Amino acid sequence: KNTLFLQMNSLKPEDTAVYYCYSDDAYGPHWGQGTQVTVS
């Protein structure tokens, strides 16, 4: 399905960040635009 996952458990405030997906293929590295994770 060409899908990547990240299961995040026991989240801490220090995990707060924008999380970016990464791929490295024949065309070189590429990054997504990110998704915000906030641990209040």
PDB file of all heavy atoms in Angstrom:
ATOM      1  N   LYS A   1       0.806  -1.215   0.000  1.00  0.00           N
ATOM      2  CA  LYS A   1       0.000   0.000   0.000  1.00  0.00           C
ATOM      3  C   LYS A   1       0.844   1.272   0.000  1.00  0.00           C
ATOM      4  O   LYS A   1       0.296   2.372   0.065  1.00  0.00           O
ATOM      5  CB  LYS A   1      -0.939   0.012   1.202  1.00  0.00           C
ATOM      6  CG  LYS A   1      -1.958  -1.113   1.186  1.00  0.00           C
ATOM      7  CD  LYS A   1      -2.881  -1.043   2.392  1.00  0.00           C
ATOM      8  CE  LYS A   1      -3.915  -2.145   2.349  1.00  0.00           C
ATOM      9  NZ  LYS A   1      -4.824  -2.102   3.530  1.00  0.00           N
ATOM     10  N   ASN A   2       2.156   1.114  -0.057  1.00  0.00           N
ATOM     11  CA  ASN A   2       3.071   2.253  -0.069  1.00  0.00           C
ATOM     12  C   ASN A   2       2.793   3.210   1.086  1.00  0.00           C
ATOM     13  O   ASN A   2       2.688   4.429   0.900  1.00  0.00           O
ATOM     14  CB  ASN A   2       2.993   2.994  -1.406  1.00  0.00           C
ATOM     15  CG  ASN A   2       3.448   2.139  -2.570  1.00  0.00           C
ATOM     16  OD1 ASN A   2       4.476   1.466  -2.490  1.00  0.00           O
ATOM     17  ND2 ASN A   2       2.698   2.168  -3.655  1.00  0.00           N
ATOM     18  N   THR A   3       2.686   2.644   2.274  1.00  0.00           N
ATOM     19  CA  THR A   3       2.346   3.416   3.459  1.00  0.00           C
ATOM     20  C   THR A   3       3.333   3.137   4.579  1.00  0.00           C
ATOM     21  O   THR A   3       3.727   1.988   4.804  1.00  0.00           O
ATOM     22  CB  THR A   3       0.922   3.099   3.934  1.00  0.00           C
ATOM     23  OG1 THR A   3       0.006   3.324   2.853  1.00  0.00           O
ATOM     24  CG2 THR A   3       0.540   3.993   5.095  1.00  0.00           C
ATOM     25  N   LEU A   4       3.720   4.179   5.277  1.00  0.00           N
ATOM     26  CA  LEU A   4       4.618   4.111   6.419  1.00  0.00           C
ATOM     27  C   LEU A   4       3.852   4.509   7.671  1.00  0.00           C
ATOM     28  O   LEU A   4       2.993   5.393   7.622  1.00  0.00           O
ATOM     29  CB  LEU A   4       5.801   5.055   6.204  1.00  0.00           C
ATOM     30  CG  LEU A   4       6.856   5.130   7.309  1.00  0.00           C
ATOM     31  CD1 LEU A   4       7.702   3.861   7.314  1.00  0.00           C
ATOM     32  CD2 LEU A   4       7.720   6.365   7.114  1.00  0.00           C
ATOM     33  N   PHE A   5       4.176   3.881   8.801  1.00  0.00           N
ATOM     34  CA  PHE A   5       3.490   4.150  10.056  1.00  0.00           C
ATOM     35  C   PHE A   5       4.493   4.427  11.168  1.00  0.00           C
ATOM     36  O   PHE A   5       5.633   3.971  11.133  1.00  0.00           O
ATOM     37  CB  PHE A   5       2.616   2.970  10.473  1.00  0.00           C
ATOM     38  CG  PHE A   5       1.610   2.558   9.451  1.00  0.00           C
ATOM     39  CD1 PHE A   5       1.870   1.506   8.582  1.00  0.00           C
ATOM     40  CD2 PHE A   5       0.400   3.217   9.343  1.00  0.00           C
ATOM     41  CE1 PHE A   5       0.944   1.119   7.636  1.00  0.00           C
ATOM     42  CE2 PHE A   5      -0.535   2.847   8.398  1.00  0.00           C
ATOM     43  CZ  PHE A   5      -0.266   1.795   7.545  1.00  0.00           C
ATOM     44  N   LEU A   6       4.035   5.171  12.160  1.00  0.00           N
ATOM     45  CA  LEU A   6       4.788   5.346  13.387  1.00  0.00           C
ATOM     46  C   LEU A   6       3.810   5.275  14.553  1.00  0.00           C
ATOM     47  O   LEU A   6       3.008   6.191  14.753  1.00  0.00           O
ATOM     48  CB  LEU A   6       5.544   6.673  13.412  1.00  0.00           C
ATOM     49  CG  LEU A   6       6.443   6.894  14.623  1.00  0.00           C
ATOM     50  CD1 LEU A   6       7.623   5.913  14.594  1.00  0.00           C
ATOM     51  CD2 LEU A   6       6.950   8.334  14.685  1.00  0.00           C
ATOM     52  N   GLN A   7       3.867   4.188  15.315  1.00  0.00           N
ATOM     53  CA  GLN A   7       3.063   4.043  16.515  1.00  0.00           C
ATOM     54  C   GLN A   7       3.840   4.641  17.675  1.00  0.00           C
ATOM     55  O   GLN A   7       4.955   4.205  17.973  1.00  0.00           O
ATOM     56  CB  GLN A   7       2.755   2.571  16.786  1.00  0.00           C
ATOM     57  CG  GLN A   7       1.962   2.323  18.058  1.00  0.00           C
ATOM     58  CD  GLN A   7       0.563   2.888  17.987  1.00  0.00           C
ATOM     59  OE1 GLN A   7      -0.132   2.694  16.996  1.00  0.00           O
ATOM     60  NE2 GLN A   7       0.159   3.603  19.034  1.00  0.00           N
ATOM     61  N   MET A   8       3.261   5.631  18.332  1.00  0.00           N
ATOM     62  CA  MET A   8       3.922   6.347  19.409  1.00  0.00           C
ATOM     63  C   MET A   8       3.154   6.115  20.704  1.00  0.00           C
ATOM     64  O   MET A   8       1.996   6.521  20.828  1.00  0.00           O
ATOM     65  CB  MET A   8       4.011   7.842  19.102  1.00  0.00           C
ATOM     66  CG  MET A   8       4.663   8.153  17.761  1.00  0.00           C
ATOM     67  SD  MET A   8       4.937   9.923  17.504  1.00  0.00           S
ATOM     68  CE  MET A   8       3.248  10.507  17.503  1.00  0.00           C
ATOM     69  N   ASN A   9       3.793   5.472  21.656  1.00  0.00           N
ATOM     70  CA  ASN A   9       3.203   5.193  22.956  1.00  0.00           C
ATOM     71  C   ASN A   9       3.983   5.903  24.049  1.00  0.00           C
ATOM     72  O   ASN A   9       5.121   6.316  23.852  1.00  0.00           O
ATOM     73  CB  ASN A   9       3.185   3.686  23.225  1.00  0.00           C
ATOM     74  CG  ASN A   9       2.377   2.907  22.216  1.00  0.00           C
ATOM     75  OD1 ASN A   9       1.351   3.370  21.730  1.00  0.00           O
ATOM     76  ND2 ASN A   9       2.834   1.697  21.903  1.00  0.00           N
ATOM     77  N   SER A  10       3.364   6.018  25.212  1.00  0.00           N
ATOM     78  CA  SER A  10       4.004   6.653  26.368  1.00  0.00           C
ATOM     79  C   SER A  10       4.591   8.005  26.008  1.00  0.00           C
ATOM     80  O   SER A  10       5.738   8.319  26.341  1.00  0.00           O
ATOM     81  CB  SER A  10       5.084   5.725  26.944  1.00  0.00           C
ATOM     82  OG  SER A  10       4.537   4.480  27.316  1.00  0.00           O
ATOM     83  N   LEU A  11       3.799   8.815  25.349  1.00  0.00           N
ATOM     84  CA  LEU A  11       4.289  10.098  24.859  1.00  0.00           C
ATOM     85  C   LEU A  11       4.649  11.043  25.999  1.00  0.00           C
ATOM     86  O   LEU A  11       3.993  11.065  27.042  1.00  0.00           O
ATOM     87  CB  LEU A  11       3.251  10.746  23.953  1.00  0.00           C
ATOM     88  CG  LEU A  11       3.173  10.140  22.545  1.00  0.00           C
ATOM     89  CD1 LEU A  11       1.873  10.514  21.861  1.00  0.00           C
ATOM     90  CD2 LEU A  11       4.370  10.599  21.713  1.00  0.00           C
ATOM     91  N   LYS A  12       5.696  11.809  25.759  1.00  0.00           N
ATOM     92  CA  LYS A  12       6.208  12.774  26.722  1.00  0.00           C
ATOM     93  C   LYS A  12       6.146  14.175  26.128  1.00  0.00           C
ATOM     94  O   LYS A  12       6.148  14.331  24.906  1.00  0.00           O
ATOM     95  CB  LYS A  12       7.659  12.442  27.079  1.00  0.00           C
ATOM     96  CG  LYS A  12       7.883  11.033  27.591  1.00  0.00           C
ATOM     97  CD  LYS A  12       9.363  10.759  27.779  1.00  0.00           C
ATOM     98  CE  LYS A  12       9.602   9.360  28.278  1.00  0.00           C
ATOM     99  NZ  LYS A  12      11.054   9.069  28.439  1.00  0.00           N
ATOM    100  N   PRO A  13       6.118  15.210  26.969  1.00  0.00           N
ATOM    101  CA  PRO A  13       6.136  16.575  26.435  1.00  0.00           C
ATOM    102  C   PRO A  13       7.313  16.830  25.496  1.00  0.00           C
ATOM    103  O   PRO A  13       7.173  17.592  24.535  1.00  0.00           O
ATOM    104  CB  PRO A  13       6.232  17.438  27.698  1.00  0.00           C
ATOM    105  CG  PRO A  13       5.546  16.624  28.740  1.00  0.00           C
ATOM    106  CD  PRO A  13       5.918  15.194  28.423  1.00  0.00           C
ATOM    107  N   GLU A  14       8.448  16.205  25.740  1.00  0.00           N
ATOM    108  CA  GLU A  14       9.612  16.381  24.891  1.00  0.00           C
ATOM    109  C   GLU A  14       9.438  15.775  23.505  1.00  0.00           C
ATOM    110  O   GLU A  14      10.264  16.016  22.624  1.00  0.00           O
ATOM    111  CB  GLU A  14      10.859  15.782  25.567  1.00  0.00           C
ATOM    112  CG  GLU A  14      10.777  14.283  25.774  1.00  0.00           C
ATOM    113  CD  GLU A  14      11.735  13.775  26.835  1.00  0.00           C
ATOM    114  OE1 GLU A  14      11.756  14.361  27.934  1.00  0.00           O
ATOM    115  OE2 GLU A  14      12.473  12.809  26.563  1.00  0.00           O
ATOM    116  N   ASP A  15       8.387  14.989  23.297  1.00  0.00           N
ATOM    117  CA  ASP A  15       8.085  14.458  21.972  1.00  0.00           C
ATOM    118  C   ASP A  15       7.358  15.470  21.094  1.00  0.00           C
ATOM    119  O   ASP A  15       7.148  15.203  19.906  1.00  0.00           O
ATOM    120  CB  ASP A  15       7.233  13.193  22.083  1.00  0.00           C
ATOM    121  CG  ASP A  15       7.957  12.051  22.767  1.00  0.00           C
ATOM    122  OD1 ASP A  15       9.158  11.848  22.477  1.00  0.00           O
ATOM    123  OD2 ASP A  15       7.323  11.349  23.583  1.00  0.00           O
ATOM    124  N   THR A  16       6.953  16.593  21.660  1.00  0.00           N
ATOM    125  CA  THR A  16       6.250  17.615  20.898  1.00  0.00           C
ATOM    126  C   THR A  16       7.132  18.126  19.764  1.00  0.00           C
ATOM    127  O   THR A  16       8.251  18.588  19.987  1.00  0.00           O
ATOM    128  CB  THR A  16       5.845  18.781  21.803  1.00  0.00           C
ATOM    129  OG1 THR A  16       4.899  18.324  22.781  1.00  0.00           O
ATOM    130  CG2 THR A  16       5.205  19.902  20.995  1.00  0.00           C
ATOM    131  N   ALA A  17       6.620  18.037  18.540  1.00  0.00           N
ATOM    132  CA  ALA A  17       7.387  18.427  17.365  1.00  0.00           C
ATOM    133  C   ALA A  17       6.511  18.246  16.127  1.00  0.00           C
ATOM    134  O   ALA A  17       5.426  17.664  16.194  1.00  0.00           O
ATOM    135  CB  ALA A  17       8.653  17.574  17.230  1.00  0.00           C
ATOM    136  N   VAL A  18       7.004  18.745  15.010  1.00  0.00           N
ATOM    137  CA  VAL A  18       6.449  18.387  13.719  1.00  0.00           C
ATOM    138  C   VAL A  18       7.171  17.132  13.251  1.00  0.00           C
ATOM    139  O   VAL A  18       8.404  17.093  13.226  1.00  0.00           O
ATOM    140  CB  VAL A  18       6.605  19.513  12.686  1.00  0.00           C
ATOM    141  CG1 VAL A  18       6.086  19.066  11.324  1.00  0.00           C
ATOM    142  CG2 VAL A  18       5.875  20.760  13.148  1.00  0.00           C
ATOM    143  N   TYR A  19       6.404  16.125  12.899  1.00  0.00           N
ATOM    144  CA  TYR A  19       6.963  14.851  12.476  1.00  0.00           C
ATOM    145  C   TYR A  19       6.908  14.752  10.958  1.00  0.00           C
ATOM    146  O   TYR A  19       5.863  14.967  10.343  1.00  0.00           O
ATOM    147  CB  TYR A  19       6.199  13.694  13.119  1.00  0.00           C
ATOM    148  CG  TYR A  19       6.574  13.493  14.566  1.00  0.00           C
ATOM    149  CD1 TYR A  19       6.178  14.412  15.531  1.00  0.00           C
ATOM    150  CD2 TYR A  19       7.341  12.403  14.966  1.00  0.00           C
ATOM    151  CE1 TYR A  19       6.538  14.249  16.858  1.00  0.00           C
ATOM    152  CE2 TYR A  19       7.703  12.231  16.287  1.00  0.00           C
ATOM    153  CZ  TYR A  19       7.298  13.158  17.231  1.00  0.00           C
ATOM    154  OH  TYR A  19       7.659  12.991  18.550  1.00  0.00           O
ATOM    155  N   TYR A  20       8.047  14.399  10.365  1.00  0.00           N
ATOM    156  CA  TYR A  20       8.196  14.352   8.923  1.00  0.00           C
ATOM    157  C   TYR A  20       8.462  12.935   8.443  1.00  0.00           C
ATOM    158  O   TYR A  20       9.301  12.231   9.015  1.00  0.00           O
ATOM    159  CB  TYR A  20       9.356  15.240   8.465  1.00  0.00           C
ATOM    160  CG  TYR A  20       9.171  16.702   8.763  1.00  0.00           C
ATOM    161  CD1 TYR A  20       9.619  17.254   9.949  1.00  0.00           C
ATOM    162  CD2 TYR A  20       8.546  17.542   7.842  1.00  0.00           C
ATOM    163  CE1 TYR A  20       9.457  18.601  10.223  1.00  0.00           C
ATOM    164  CE2 TYR A  20       8.383  18.884   8.104  1.00  0.00           C
ATOM    165  CZ  TYR A  20       8.842  19.411   9.298  1.00  0.00           C
ATOM    166  OH  TYR A  20       8.686  20.750   9.556  1.00  0.00           O
ATOM    167  N   CYS A  21       7.787  12.551   7.398  1.00  0.00           N
ATOM    168  CA  CYS A  21       8.036  11.289   6.721  1.00  0.00           C
ATOM    169  C   CYS A  21       9.190  11.456   5.741  1.00  0.00           C
ATOM    170  O   CYS A  21       9.332  12.513   5.108  1.00  0.00           O
ATOM    171  CB  CYS A  21       6.769  10.859   5.989  1.00  0.00           C
ATOM    172  SG  CYS A  21       6.904   9.328   5.059  1.00  0.00           S
ATOM    173  N   TYR A  22      10.003  10.413   5.601  1.00  0.00           N
ATOM    174  CA  TYR A  22      11.196  10.453   4.769  1.00  0.00           C
ATOM    175  C   TYR A  22      11.262   9.234   3.868  1.00  0.00           C
ATOM    176  O   TYR A  22      10.910   8.130   4.285  1.00  0.00           O
ATOM    177  CB  TYR A  22      12.434  10.501   5.670  1.00  0.00           C
ATOM    178  CG  TYR A  22      13.750  10.277   4.967  1.00  0.00           C
ATOM    179  CD1 TYR A  22      14.364  11.297   4.260  1.00  0.00           C
ATOM    180  CD2 TYR A  22      14.387   9.046   5.029  1.00  0.00           C
ATOM    181  CE1 TYR A  22      15.574  11.106   3.626  1.00  0.00           C
ATOM    182  CE2 TYR A  22      15.599   8.839   4.398  1.00  0.00           C
ATOM    183  CZ  TYR A  22      16.192   9.877   3.697  1.00  0.00           C
ATOM    184  OH  TYR A  22      17.393   9.678   3.082  1.00  0.00           O
ATOM    185  N   SER A  23      11.708   9.439   2.649  1.00  0.00           N
ATOM    186  CA  SER A  23      11.977   8.334   1.744  1.00  0.00           C
ATOM    187  C   SER A  23      13.294   8.564   1.029  1.00  0.00           C
ATOM    188  O   SER A  23      13.700   9.703   0.798  1.00  0.00           O
ATOM    189  CB  SER A  23      10.848   8.154   0.725  1.00  0.00           C
ATOM    190  OG  SER A  23      10.826   9.220  -0.207  1.00  0.00           O
ATOM    191  N   ASP A  24      13.957   7.487   0.704  1.00  0.00           N
ATOM    192  CA  ASP A  24      15.223   7.540  -0.024  1.00  0.00           C
ATOM    193  C   ASP A  24      15.150   6.484  -1.120  1.00  0.00           C
ATOM    194  O   ASP A  24      15.149   5.286  -0.823  1.00  0.00           O
ATOM    195  CB  ASP A  24      16.387   7.288   0.921  1.00  0.00           C
ATOM    196  CG  ASP A  24      17.730   7.611   0.290  1.00  0.00           C
ATOM    197  OD1 ASP A  24      17.770   8.030  -0.874  1.00  0.00           O
ATOM    198  OD2 ASP A  24      18.753   7.447   0.989  1.00  0.00           O
ATOM    199  N   ASP A  25      15.081   6.939  -2.353  1.00  0.00           N
ATOM    200  CA  ASP A  25      14.934   6.032  -3.478  1.00  0.00           C
ATOM    201  C   ASP A  25      15.900   6.419  -4.587  1.00  0.00           C
ATOM    202  O   ASP A  25      16.854   7.158  -4.365  1.00  0.00           O
ATOM    203  CB  ASP A  25      13.477   6.019  -3.973  1.00  0.00           C
ATOM    204  CG  ASP A  25      12.973   7.398  -4.341  1.00  0.00           C
ATOM    205  OD1 ASP A  25      13.783   8.268  -4.715  1.00  0.00           O
ATOM    206  OD2 ASP A  25      11.749   7.617  -4.256  1.00  0.00           O
ATOM    207  N   ALA A  26      15.652   5.911  -5.791  1.00  0.00           N
ATOM    208  CA  ALA A  26      16.552   6.161  -6.907  1.00  0.00           C
ATOM    209  C   ALA A  26      16.618   7.639  -7.279  1.00  0.00           C
ATOM    210  O   ALA A  26      17.581   8.071  -7.921  1.00  0.00           O
ATOM    211  CB  ALA A  26      16.126   5.336  -8.115  1.00  0.00           C
ATOM    212  N   TYR A  27      15.596   8.421  -6.906  1.00  0.00           N
ATOM    213  CA  TYR A  27      15.569   9.844  -7.218  1.00  0.00           C
ATOM    214  C   TYR A  27      16.209  10.686  -6.124  1.00  0.00           C
ATOM    215  O   TYR A  27      16.292  11.907  -6.259  1.00  0.00           O
ATOM    216  CB  TYR A  27      14.133  10.311  -7.441  1.00  0.00           C
ATOM    217  CG  TYR A  27      13.454   9.625  -8.605  1.00  0.00           C
ATOM    218  CD1 TYR A  27      12.656   8.507  -8.402  1.00  0.00           C
ATOM    219  CD2 TYR A  27      13.620  10.098  -9.900  1.00  0.00           C
ATOM    220  CE1 TYR A  27      12.038   7.878  -9.466  1.00  0.00           C
ATOM    221  CE2 TYR A  27      13.005   9.470 -10.964  1.00  0.00           C
ATOM    222  CZ  TYR A  27      12.216   8.362 -10.741  1.00  0.00           C
ATOM    223  OH  TYR A  27      11.595   7.747 -11.805  1.00  0.00           O
ATOM    224  N   GLY A  28      16.637  10.061  -5.060  1.00  0.00           N
ATOM    225  CA  GLY A  28      17.235  10.766  -3.948  1.00  0.00           C
ATOM    226  C   GLY A  28      16.280  10.906  -2.777  1.00  0.00           C
ATOM    227  O   GLY A  28      15.156  10.412  -2.806  1.00  0.00           O
ATOM    228  N   PRO A  29      16.725  11.608  -1.728  1.00  0.00           N
ATOM    229  CA  PRO A  29      15.882  11.750  -0.538  1.00  0.00           C
ATOM    230  C   PRO A  29      14.734  12.725  -0.753  1.00  0.00           C
ATOM    231  O   PRO A  29      14.849  13.685  -1.525  1.00  0.00           O
ATOM    232  CB  PRO A  29      16.859  12.282   0.515  1.00  0.00           C
ATOM    233  CG  PRO A  29      17.892  13.022  -0.285  1.00  0.00           C
ATOM    234  CD  PRO A  29      18.041  12.241  -1.564  1.00  0.00           C
ATOM    235  N   HIS A  30      13.635  12.490  -0.038  1.00  0.00           N
ATOM    236  CA  HIS A  30      12.467  13.360  -0.107  1.00  0.00           C
ATOM    237  C   HIS A  30      11.767  13.365   1.246  1.00  0.00           C
ATOM    238  O   HIS A  30      11.721  12.340   1.929  1.00  0.00           O
ATOM    239  CB  HIS A  30      11.499  12.890  -1.191  1.00  0.00           C
ATOM    240  CG  HIS A  30      10.304  13.757  -1.354  1.00  0.00           C
ATOM    241  ND1 HIS A  30      10.362  14.987  -1.966  1.00  0.00           N
ATOM    242  CD2 HIS A  30       9.014  13.585  -0.960  1.00  0.00           C
ATOM    243  CE1 HIS A  30       9.164  15.532  -1.953  1.00  0.00           C
ATOM    244  NE2 HIS A  30       8.334  14.702  -1.347  1.00  0.00           N
ATOM    245  N   TRP A  31      11.228  14.528   1.613  1.00  0.00           N
ATOM    246  CA  TRP A  31      10.508  14.694   2.871  1.00  0.00           C
ATOM    247  C   TRP A  31       9.096  15.170   2.620  1.00  0.00           C
ATOM    248  O   TRP A  31       8.854  15.964   1.706  1.00  0.00           O
ATOM    249  CB  TRP A  31      11.222  15.691   3.779  1.00  0.00           C
ATOM    250  CG  TRP A  31      12.580  15.248   4.221  1.00  0.00           C
ATOM    251  CD1 TRP A  31      13.764  15.566   3.643  1.00  0.00           C
ATOM    252  CD2 TRP A  31      12.886  14.406   5.338  1.00  0.00           C
ATOM    253  NE1 TRP A  31      14.802  14.976   4.322  1.00  0.00           N
ATOM    254  CE2 TRP A  31      14.297  14.259   5.371  1.00  0.00           C
ATOM    255  CE3 TRP A  31      12.121  13.768   6.310  1.00  0.00           C
ATOM    256  CZ2 TRP A  31      14.941  13.497   6.345  1.00  0.00           C
ATOM    257  CZ3 TRP A  31      12.767  13.001   7.271  1.00  0.00           C
ATOM    258  CH2 TRP A  31      14.158  12.882   7.283  1.00  0.00           C
ATOM    259  N   GLY A  32       8.167  14.704   3.451  1.00  0.00           N
ATOM    260  CA  GLY A  32       6.824  15.241   3.446  1.00  0.00           C
ATOM    261  C   GLY A  32       6.769  16.599   4.119  1.00  0.00           C
ATOM    262  O   GLY A  32       7.786  17.139   4.565  1.00  0.00           O
ATOM    263  N   GLN A  33       5.565  17.161   4.214  1.00  0.00           N
ATOM    264  CA  GLN A  33       5.389  18.490   4.793  1.00  0.00           C
ATOM    265  C   GLN A  33       5.173  18.471   6.299  1.00  0.00           C
ATOM    266  O   GLN A  33       5.167  19.530   6.924  1.00  0.00           O
ATOM    267  CB  GLN A  33       4.239  19.219   4.104  1.00  0.00           C
ATOM    268  CG  GLN A  33       4.538  19.572   2.655  1.00  0.00           C
ATOM    269  CD  GLN A  33       3.469  20.428   2.028  1.00  0.00           C
ATOM    270  OE1 GLN A  33       2.458  19.919   1.556  1.00  0.00           O
ATOM    271  NE2 GLN A  33       3.692  21.731   2.034  1.00  0.00           N
ATOM    272  N   GLY A  34       4.985  17.316   6.876  1.00  0.00           N
ATOM    273  CA  GLY A  34       4.942  17.182   8.313  1.00  0.00           C
ATOM    274  C   GLY A  34       3.547  17.175   8.897  1.00  0.00           C
ATOM    275  O   GLY A  34       2.591  17.674   8.312  1.00  0.00           O
ATOM    276  N   THR A  35       3.442  16.612  10.099  1.00  0.00           N
ATOM    277  CA  THR A  35       2.218  16.626  10.882  1.00  0.00           C
ATOM    278  C   THR A  35       2.572  16.959  12.328  1.00  0.00           C
ATOM    279  O   THR A  35       3.547  16.439  12.876  1.00  0.00           O
ATOM    280  CB  THR A  35       1.463  15.281  10.782  1.00  0.00           C
ATOM    281  OG1 THR A  35       0.220  15.373  11.478  1.00  0.00           O
ATOM    282  CG2 THR A  35       2.282  14.127  11.342  1.00  0.00           C
ATOM    283  N   GLN A  36       1.797  17.849  12.939  1.00  0.00           N
ATOM    284  CA  GLN A  36       2.106  18.348  14.277  1.00  0.00           C
ATOM    285  C   GLN A  36       1.673  17.360  15.346  1.00  0.00           C
ATOM    286  O   GLN A  36       0.538  16.886  15.344  1.00  0.00           O
ATOM    287  CB  GLN A  36       1.416  19.695  14.510  1.00  0.00           C
ATOM    288  CG  GLN A  36       1.615  20.264  15.910  1.00  0.00           C
ATOM    289  CD  GLN A  36       3.022  20.742  16.153  1.00  0.00           C
ATOM    290  OE1 GLN A  36       3.589  21.454  15.331  1.00  0.00           O
ATOM    291  NE2 GLN A  36       3.598  20.345  17.288  1.00  0.00           N
ATOM    292  N   VAL A  37       2.572  17.074  16.261  1.00  0.00           N
ATOM    293  CA  VAL A  37       2.279  16.291  17.453  1.00  0.00           C
ATOM    294  C   VAL A  37       2.556  17.164  18.669  1.00  0.00           C
ATOM    295  O   VAL A  37       3.662  17.674  18.830  1.00  0.00           O
ATOM    296  CB  VAL A  37       3.122  15.004  17.518  1.00  0.00           C
ATOM    297  CG1 VAL A  37       2.946  14.314  18.866  1.00  0.00           C
ATOM    298  CG2 VAL A  37       2.753  14.071  16.380  1.00  0.00           C
ATOM    299  N   THR A  38       1.543  17.333  19.507  1.00  0.00           N
ATOM    300  CA  THR A  38       1.681  18.138  20.717  1.00  0.00           C
ATOM    301  C   THR A  38       1.295  17.306  21.923  1.00  0.00           C
ATOM    302  O   THR A  38       0.180  16.788  21.991  1.00  0.00           O
ATOM    303  CB  THR A  38       0.806  19.397  20.655  1.00  0.00           C
ATOM    304  OG1 THR A  38       1.170  20.184  19.523  1.00  0.00           O
ATOM    305  CG2 THR A  38       0.984  20.230  21.922  1.00  0.00           C
ATOM    306  N   VAL A  39       2.207  17.167  22.855  1.00  0.00           N
ATOM    307  CA  VAL A  39       1.954  16.466  24.106  1.00  0.00           C
ATOM    308  C   VAL A  39       1.820  17.528  25.185  1.00  0.00           C
ATOM    309  O   VAL A  39       2.799  18.159  25.565  1.00  0.00           O
ATOM    310  CB  VAL A  39       3.071  15.471  24.432  1.00  0.00           C
ATOM    311  CG1 VAL A  39       2.717  14.666  25.675  1.00  0.00           C
ATOM    312  CG2 VAL A  39       3.324  14.543  23.249  1.00  0.00           C
ATOM    313  N   SER A  40       0.622  17.740  25.648  1.00  0.00           N
ATOM    314  CA  SER A  40       0.326  18.854  26.538  1.00  0.00           C
ATOM    315  C   SER A  40       0.800  18.583  27.955  1.00  0.00           C
ATOM    316  O   SER A  40       0.968  17.428  28.379  1.00  0.00           O
ATOM    317  CB  SER A  40      -1.169  19.154  26.520  1.00  0.00           C
ATOM    318  OG  SER A  40      -1.910  18.062  27.041  1.00  0.00           O
TER     319      SER A  40
END
